[in-house]
């Protein structure tokens, strides 16, 4: 029998992440209010650069600073938010992804749902590893199952997701 190893990529949605970032650039505080209401956090993003940029934009908006592309580029580069040089083309591209008519709230939910799926996979793998380890107790496995149940409980999203 020939066994092959399949590399699987965790769930993520780059398009949705970029729409969320673009909406923050376009609408600032209004977009931030919606994302706060949904419970969207920077660690929901799969790409670290998107997570860091989300944090930077939230801070910039919260401090009432300019969201003009030139000002964002200057601030992002000065703070070394990204592992590469930011330019206005990147900022404008992100902004264009959130053009009017794009369902930003749905995009934010897709980002959150992808994070939830990654967490479910991580916890399920942890539970599976415990099940095959004779040194582990079922009490530890039950804790993993409880953590999984917390992720699947929609009310936790609105209550600050305490299991993080």
C-alpha atoms as a PDB file:
ATOM      1  CA  UNK A   1       0.000   0.000   0.000  1.00  0.00           C
ATOM      2  CA  UNK A   2       1.368   3.412  -0.973  1.00  0.00           C
ATOM      3  CA  UNK A   3       0.780   6.172   1.571  1.00  0.00           C
ATOM      4  CA  UNK A   4       1.081   9.808   0.637  1.00  0.00           C
ATOM      5  CA  UNK A   5       1.175  12.796   2.907  1.00  0.00           C
ATOM      6  CA  UNK A   6      -1.194  15.578   2.048  1.00  0.00           C
ATOM      7  CA  UNK A   7      -0.261  19.019   3.282  1.00  0.00           C
ATOM      8  CA  UNK A   8      -3.368  20.911   4.250  1.00  0.00           C
ATOM      9  CA  UNK A   9      -3.617  24.658   4.601  1.00  0.00           C
ATOM     10  CA  UNK A  10      -5.681  25.971   7.505  1.00  0.00           C
ATOM     11  CA  UNK A  11      -8.854  27.838   6.557  1.00  0.00           C
ATOM     12  CA  UNK A  12      -8.428  31.510   5.742  1.00  0.00           C
ATOM     13  CA  UNK A  13      -9.940  34.146   3.484  1.00  0.00           C
ATOM     14  CA  UNK A  14      -7.435  36.726   2.209  1.00  0.00           C
ATOM     15  CA  UNK A  15     -10.092  38.525   0.168  1.00  0.00           C
ATOM     16  CA  UNK A  16     -12.267  39.048   3.249  1.00  0.00           C
ATOM     17  CA  UNK A  17      -9.277  40.228   5.290  1.00  0.00           C
ATOM     18  CA  UNK A  18      -8.417  42.778   2.608  1.00  0.00           C
ATOM     19  CA  UNK A  19     -12.026  44.008   2.418  1.00  0.00           C
ATOM     20  CA  UNK A  20     -12.018  44.570   6.190  1.00  0.00           C
ATOM     21  CA  UNK A  21      -8.745  46.502   6.037  1.00  0.00           C
ATOM     22  CA  UNK A  22     -10.000  48.529   3.091  1.00  0.00           C
ATOM     23  CA  UNK A  23     -13.225  49.390   4.924  1.00  0.00           C
ATOM     24  CA  UNK A  24     -11.216  50.697   7.873  1.00  0.00           C
ATOM     25  CA  UNK A  25      -9.200  52.891   5.509  1.00  0.00           C
ATOM     26  CA  UNK A  26     -12.350  54.154   3.750  1.00  0.00           C
ATOM     27  CA  UNK A  27     -14.720  54.589   6.686  1.00  0.00           C
ATOM     28  CA  UNK A  28     -12.600  54.804   9.813  1.00  0.00           C
ATOM     29  CA  UNK A  29     -14.650  55.024  12.979  1.00  0.00           C
ATOM     30  CA  UNK A  30     -17.910  53.861  11.378  1.00  0.00           C
ATOM     31  CA  UNK A  31     -16.240  50.644  10.193  1.00  0.00           C
ATOM     32  CA  UNK A  32     -14.482  50.213  13.519  1.00  0.00           C
ATOM     33  CA  UNK A  33     -17.826  50.396  15.350  1.00  0.00           C
ATOM     34  CA  UNK A  34     -19.235  47.604  13.167  1.00  0.00           C
ATOM     35  CA  UNK A  35     -16.171  45.409  13.647  1.00  0.00           C
ATOM     36  CA  UNK A  36     -16.217  45.979  17.414  1.00  0.00           C
ATOM     37  CA  UNK A  37     -19.887  44.999  17.483  1.00  0.00           C
ATOM     38  CA  UNK A  38     -19.043  41.745  15.680  1.00  0.00           C
ATOM     39  CA  UNK A  39     -16.120  41.033  17.990  1.00  0.00           C
ATOM     40  CA  UNK A  40     -13.480  41.118  15.230  1.00  0.00           C
ATOM     41  CA  UNK A  41      -9.944  41.053  16.661  1.00  0.00           C
ATOM     42  CA  UNK A  42      -6.552  41.333  15.024  1.00  0.00           C
ATOM     43  CA  UNK A  43      -5.726  37.709  15.821  1.00  0.00           C
ATOM     44  CA  UNK A  44      -8.696  36.629  13.694  1.00  0.00           C
ATOM     45  CA  UNK A  45      -6.544  37.407  10.647  1.00  0.00           C
ATOM     46  CA  UNK A  46      -4.567  34.565   9.104  1.00  0.00           C
ATOM     47  CA  UNK A  47      -1.830  36.686   7.565  1.00  0.00           C
ATOM     48  CA  UNK A  48       0.393  38.322  10.196  1.00  0.00           C
ATOM     49  CA  UNK A  49       0.818  41.426   8.027  1.00  0.00           C
ATOM     50  CA  UNK A  50      -2.980  41.852   7.946  1.00  0.00           C
ATOM     51  CA  UNK A  51      -3.170  41.398  11.717  1.00  0.00           C
ATOM     52  CA  UNK A  52      -0.486  44.033  12.314  1.00  0.00           C
ATOM     53  CA  UNK A  53      -2.086  46.411   9.828  1.00  0.00           C
ATOM     54  CA  UNK A  54      -5.487  45.956  11.488  1.00  0.00           C
ATOM     55  CA  UNK A  55      -3.954  46.851  14.882  1.00  0.00           C
ATOM     56  CA  UNK A  56      -2.255  49.895  13.387  1.00  0.00           C
ATOM     57  CA  UNK A  57      -5.439  51.102  11.688  1.00  0.00           C
ATOM     58  CA  UNK A  58      -7.493  50.623  14.870  1.00  0.00           C
ATOM     59  CA  UNK A  59      -4.941  52.647  16.828  1.00  0.00           C
ATOM     60  CA  UNK A  60      -4.800  55.352  14.135  1.00  0.00           C
ATOM     61  CA  UNK A  61      -8.593  55.633  13.989  1.00  0.00           C
ATOM     62  CA  UNK A  62      -8.947  55.594  17.785  1.00  0.00           C
ATOM     63  CA  UNK A  63      -6.464  58.460  18.074  1.00  0.00           C
ATOM     64  CA  UNK A  64      -8.293  60.466  15.401  1.00  0.00           C
ATOM     65  CA  UNK A  65      -5.280  60.538  13.093  1.00  0.00           C
ATOM     66  CA  UNK A  66      -5.437  60.973   9.326  1.00  0.00           C
ATOM     67  CA  UNK A  67      -6.351  58.038   7.107  1.00  0.00           C
ATOM     68  CA  UNK A  68      -5.070  59.762   3.968  1.00  0.00           C
ATOM     69  CA  UNK A  69      -2.965  57.272   1.992  1.00  0.00           C
ATOM     70  CA  UNK A  70       0.241  59.352   2.195  1.00  0.00           C
ATOM     71  CA  UNK A  71      -0.152  59.723   5.977  1.00  0.00           C
ATOM     72  CA  UNK A  72      -0.868  56.015   6.419  1.00  0.00           C
ATOM     73  CA  UNK A  73       2.174  55.031   4.368  1.00  0.00           C
ATOM     74  CA  UNK A  74       4.394  57.368   6.384  1.00  0.00           C
ATOM     75  CA  UNK A  75       3.044  56.076   9.707  1.00  0.00           C
ATOM     76  CA  UNK A  76       3.099  52.387   8.728  1.00  0.00           C
ATOM     77  CA  UNK A  77       6.691  52.610   7.529  1.00  0.00           C
ATOM     78  CA  UNK A  78       7.843  54.666  10.524  1.00  0.00           C
ATOM     79  CA  UNK A  79       6.279  52.153  12.942  1.00  0.00           C
ATOM     80  CA  UNK A  80       7.605  49.206  10.885  1.00  0.00           C
ATOM     81  CA  UNK A  81       4.143  47.649  10.952  1.00  0.00           C
ATOM     82  CA  UNK A  82       4.792  45.484   7.910  1.00  0.00           C
ATOM     83  CA  UNK A  83       7.825  43.324   7.129  1.00  0.00           C
ATOM     84  CA  UNK A  84       8.127  45.195   3.842  1.00  0.00           C
ATOM     85  CA  UNK A  85       7.941  48.795   2.647  1.00  0.00           C
ATOM     86  CA  UNK A  86       4.393  50.087   2.410  1.00  0.00           C
ATOM     87  CA  UNK A  87       3.372  52.402  -0.434  1.00  0.00           C
ATOM     88  CA  UNK A  88       0.274  54.269  -1.552  1.00  0.00           C
ATOM     89  CA  UNK A  89      -0.459  51.623  -4.171  1.00  0.00           C
ATOM     90  CA  UNK A  90      -0.997  49.058  -1.390  1.00  0.00           C
ATOM     91  CA  UNK A  91      -3.229  51.421   0.599  1.00  0.00           C
ATOM     92  CA  UNK A  92      -5.272  52.353  -2.474  1.00  0.00           C
ATOM     93  CA  UNK A  93      -5.575  48.694  -3.486  1.00  0.00           C
ATOM     94  CA  UNK A  94      -6.933  47.772  -0.054  1.00  0.00           C
ATOM     95  CA  UNK A  95      -9.309  50.731  -0.158  1.00  0.00           C
ATOM     96  CA  UNK A  96     -10.560  49.686  -3.600  1.00  0.00           C
ATOM     97  CA  UNK A  97     -11.408  46.208  -2.286  1.00  0.00           C
ATOM     98  CA  UNK A  98     -13.974  47.821   0.015  1.00  0.00           C
ATOM     99  CA  UNK A  99     -15.687  49.835  -2.696  1.00  0.00           C
ATOM    100  CA  UNK A 100     -19.344  50.733  -2.166  1.00  0.00           C
ATOM    101  CA  UNK A 101     -21.622  47.745  -2.489  1.00  0.00           C
ATOM    102  CA  UNK A 102     -19.139  45.288  -1.024  1.00  0.00           C
ATOM    103  CA  UNK A 103     -20.645  43.471   1.966  1.00  0.00           C
ATOM    104  CA  UNK A 104     -18.142  44.431   4.632  1.00  0.00           C
ATOM    105  CA  UNK A 105     -20.012  42.904   7.551  1.00  0.00           C
ATOM    106  CA  UNK A 106     -20.186  39.586   5.697  1.00  0.00           C
ATOM    107  CA  UNK A 107     -16.447  39.819   4.982  1.00  0.00           C
ATOM    108  CA  UNK A 108     -15.738  40.416   8.681  1.00  0.00           C
ATOM    109  CA  UNK A 109     -17.842  37.376   9.558  1.00  0.00           C
ATOM    110  CA  UNK A 110     -15.852  35.298   7.047  1.00  0.00           C
ATOM    111  CA  UNK A 111     -12.621  36.365   8.776  1.00  0.00           C
ATOM    112  CA  UNK A 112     -14.058  35.402  12.174  1.00  0.00           C
ATOM    113  CA  UNK A 113     -15.411  32.091  10.885  1.00  0.00           C
ATOM    114  CA  UNK A 114     -12.046  31.173   9.361  1.00  0.00           C
ATOM    115  CA  UNK A 115     -10.392  31.902  12.725  1.00  0.00           C
ATOM    116  CA  UNK A 116     -12.997  29.741  14.481  1.00  0.00           C
ATOM    117  CA  UNK A 117     -12.327  26.876  12.074  1.00  0.00           C
ATOM    118  CA  UNK A 118      -8.566  27.160  12.680  1.00  0.00           C
ATOM    119  CA  UNK A 119      -9.194  27.061  16.439  1.00  0.00           C
ATOM    120  CA  UNK A 120     -11.493  24.051  16.110  1.00  0.00           C
ATOM    121  CA  UNK A 121      -8.817  22.207  14.122  1.00  0.00           C
ATOM    122  CA  UNK A 122      -6.151  23.118  16.683  1.00  0.00           C
ATOM    123  CA  UNK A 123      -8.261  21.933  19.631  1.00  0.00           C
ATOM    124  CA  UNK A 124      -9.422  18.785  17.811  1.00  0.00           C
ATOM    125  CA  UNK A 125      -5.787  17.912  17.073  1.00  0.00           C
ATOM    126  CA  UNK A 126      -4.941  18.509  20.736  1.00  0.00           C
ATOM    127  CA  UNK A 127      -7.791  16.239  21.875  1.00  0.00           C
ATOM    128  CA  UNK A 128      -6.721  13.556  19.391  1.00  0.00           C
ATOM    129  CA  UNK A 129      -3.128  13.708  20.661  1.00  0.00           C
ATOM    130  CA  UNK A 130      -4.366  13.310  24.241  1.00  0.00           C
ATOM    131  CA  UNK A 131      -6.477  10.316  23.256  1.00  0.00           C
ATOM    132  CA  UNK A 132      -3.413   8.466  21.969  1.00  0.00           C
ATOM    133  CA  UNK A 133      -1.234   9.354  24.964  1.00  0.00           C
ATOM    134  CA  UNK A 134      -1.659   6.795  27.742  1.00  0.00           C
ATOM    135  CA  UNK A 135      -0.228   9.261  30.265  1.00  0.00           C
ATOM    136  CA  UNK A 136      -3.071  11.743  29.773  1.00  0.00           C
ATOM    137  CA  UNK A 137      -6.342  11.670  31.662  1.00  0.00           C
ATOM    138  CA  UNK A 138      -9.836  11.928  30.319  1.00  0.00           C
ATOM    139  CA  UNK A 139     -10.190  15.045  32.489  1.00  0.00           C
ATOM    140  CA  UNK A 140      -7.696  16.825  30.209  1.00  0.00           C
ATOM    141  CA  UNK A 141      -9.582  15.581  27.163  1.00  0.00           C
ATOM    142  CA  UNK A 142     -12.849  16.884  28.603  1.00  0.00           C
ATOM    143  CA  UNK A 143     -11.243  20.310  29.045  1.00  0.00           C
ATOM    144  CA  UNK A 144     -10.339  20.289  25.348  1.00  0.00           C
ATOM    145  CA  UNK A 145     -13.926  19.364  24.485  1.00  0.00           C
ATOM    146  CA  UNK A 146     -15.184  22.215  26.719  1.00  0.00           C
ATOM    147  CA  UNK A 147     -12.840  24.658  24.938  1.00  0.00           C
ATOM    148  CA  UNK A 148     -14.233  23.440  21.640  1.00  0.00           C
ATOM    149  CA  UNK A 149     -17.802  23.954  22.885  1.00  0.00           C
ATOM    150  CA  UNK A 150     -16.912  27.527  23.867  1.00  0.00           C
ATOM    151  CA  UNK A 151     -15.752  28.256  20.328  1.00  0.00           C
ATOM    152  CA  UNK A 152     -18.949  26.834  18.897  1.00  0.00           C
ATOM    153  CA  UNK A 153     -21.135  28.952  21.227  1.00  0.00           C
ATOM    154  CA  UNK A 154     -22.132  32.038  19.178  1.00  0.00           C
ATOM    155  CA  UNK A 155     -22.797  34.142  22.279  1.00  0.00           C
ATOM    156  CA  UNK A 156     -19.098  33.996  23.182  1.00  0.00           C
ATOM    157  CA  UNK A 157     -18.269  35.985  20.057  1.00  0.00           C
ATOM    158  CA  UNK A 158     -20.328  38.883  21.352  1.00  0.00           C
ATOM    159  CA  UNK A 159     -18.957  38.547  24.888  1.00  0.00           C
ATOM    160  CA  UNK A 160     -15.306  39.044  24.106  1.00  0.00           C
ATOM    161  CA  UNK A 161     -14.564  35.382  23.381  1.00  0.00           C
ATOM    162  CA  UNK A 162     -13.256  34.570  26.869  1.00  0.00           C
ATOM    163  CA  UNK A 163     -11.587  31.355  25.775  1.00  0.00           C
ATOM    164  CA  UNK A 164      -8.748  33.222  24.127  1.00  0.00           C
END
